[in-house]
């Protein structure tokens, strides 16, 4: 298709959408009729695409553009290494934003254009194995390929958790080769599982995958800027101005002026009043009306999540942090008030449970000592986190059954028809994007099968030789559960960008499986969680990146290869970062020292260790003896979506829009722990109301030009600041910021009464 034709189509789409927007805001019957028939003005294959996709995604393609070039391999490696290190390091911090993939998009594009100018135009190699150093002008497709590769490899790893837990709390270091192969295989199992859900969620245009649209927006802006588009150049200028401004600013909340990361107004009014401090503090309190100016506490979710998701999340936060916490602390909701906002386990007198005394030298339960110490007690917030975590897991399945059955069954019928005709599933859809993708060969199913078999055999050997902490047969169960959850949870993510965390359920299930066994290592639950979790998490990531490939018209086989290649490079860097963290921050993570900024608290590792004691050392039966209500979370999760669906069917035209009352999002947010950081949700809701409600509804033209672009710019600026702070102040000799009014040694929020009570 020619660029002139694409321009004509784009103009037509713009005109039609403008007509629709006018009609939507008009009470005129004629305008409403015009809006109703707007799709008839578009070419049929374009009209099938959602409006937001038509506004962003290119509607023409040149299949001859090379993508797996020498430049691609060089730049992929360059950008994976720092990302894999930073993301692993960040997983041990209380708050952080991920290594910005948008930074990779920008930097790789500019470096790639430079390489296209300076590399010689010649072939190197020998025999049939020869390749060109410089195949021609740099293309946006190469940028997209590098970005997808980095998205795969420049990340953290679930496998790090069990390795860190075993070393920090139990003094056991796993062999380096075993650790690296373990991390590789759990990722590749997830990638192979993507073959299940892609048939339902990848080709169907109704599944927009919001994060994929964000990255596509930036790709298109870069492409327009390259072609001297006035609008594209303006957008790139805005992008870089925001990036630089955000980068400069974040030296303040992250280093110079930490107070701005949590503006606790109630503490300013009454700095020595404990009640006011507890209500207003975002670092160990309820975070009531607390404002943050630190992007790590806000994140780009406010510009990606649909507004209905953000409303549900904020309501869940209000119930959890602003209603339940004070009812427990000052009311009669619970008679167990100590440890209210803690992930730790407690004795009946409120002191921390000496979990190490529960273990024999071979890390098994010392029953005699357990009977002397008594039952473990959970903090109230930890207890309801677990209850709603169980509810969220089951709700994810039930919600898809009652609300998603129709769309998934339609996709299944198309899949069956495709198999009968022995064609590509994308050909069963008639929209413009699937037609363009038909020019490329699909990834054959056996590629996924080979990847799964190789990964499965490697994992089986590792576990069967007792090189990790889990019985080999639990691997079968973990993979079976991963198989079941991939499609329903990816369905939710593809529509809303909301990812359901499933770790606690996996560890509970593992506890039930092995509680009768005589030998059970505490870190085994985390091993199981990594295997079963990555079967879903990594499938989601590979599908999201394949959707980017779909939007950017990349060869599916090349995209698949890039994801495998990215992890080959990234995992060894993950392991190297783990070694650095444990050698330099171990005292903070195991509680020997206290980080006054609440960053190196080891909150995540503490949580994993708590789960290990609960589900492995004690076992679910002993745990639930004192908390018999917790398993009822599964029942609540199963019934709540049915109740909402009944309301939706009874009142289908209600302004309350019951189909948006997603119980999975609500329960999952209720399961979030706010004991150390509760400063973000209020600021997130304010920001989300501005971006995804006001701007989207009333300033839509401005929103579609800049919303996703600004999300990318702010993320990139923040992460660049974190990287620079690390390089300047921590990579060599650690340079701490002197204490001053905005960096008070006792409390950076100036919540002095709360700080004294906590010390």
Foldseek 3Di string as FASTA:
>chain_A
DDPVVQVVLLVQLVVLVVLLLVLVPDPDPVSVVSNVCSLVSHDVQASQFDSLLSLFFRLDDDVVDDAPAPLLVVLLLVLLQVLLLVQLVQVLWPFDFHQFLLLLLVVSQVVVQVQLVPPDFDWDDDDPPIHTNHPHGDDLSNSLLSSLLSLQFSHFFLLLQLQLLCCLPPNDHFDPVLSLLLRLLLLLLLQLLLVVQCLQAQQNNLLAQQVLSLVSRLSVLVVCVVVVNPLSVVLVVVLQVLLQVLLVVQCQCVAFFVLQQKAQPLCVVPLQDQVSLQDRGQFQHLNVVIAHPACRLFALLLLRFFLLLLVLLLVLSCCQRVNVLCCLQPHVPDPDAAQQQHLFKAFPVRHGDPLVVLQDNLGAGPVVVDVVRDAIDHHPLLLLLLLLLLLLVLLLVQLCVLPVVVSSVVSVVLVVVCVVVVHDSLVSRSHSLSVLLSVADADDSVVSVVSNVVSLVSLLVCQPVVSGFAHSVLLVVLSVLLSVCQNSQLSVCSNGVDHFDNLLVQLQVRLVVPVPPPDGHLSHSSSSSSNSVSSRPSSSSLSSSVSSCSSNVHHNVSSSVSSSVSNVSNSVSSVVSSVVCCVPPSCQLSVVDDDQSSTSNVRVSSNSSNSSCCRHNCHVVSNCVVPVCSVCSNVNSNCVSVVLSVVCVVCVPDPVNSSSSRSSSNSSSSSDRSSGGPNRSVNNSVSSCVQNPCCCSPVVVVNSNPSSSSSSSSSSSSSVSVVVCCVPAPPPPHDHHDDDQSRHSQHNNSSNNNSVVVD
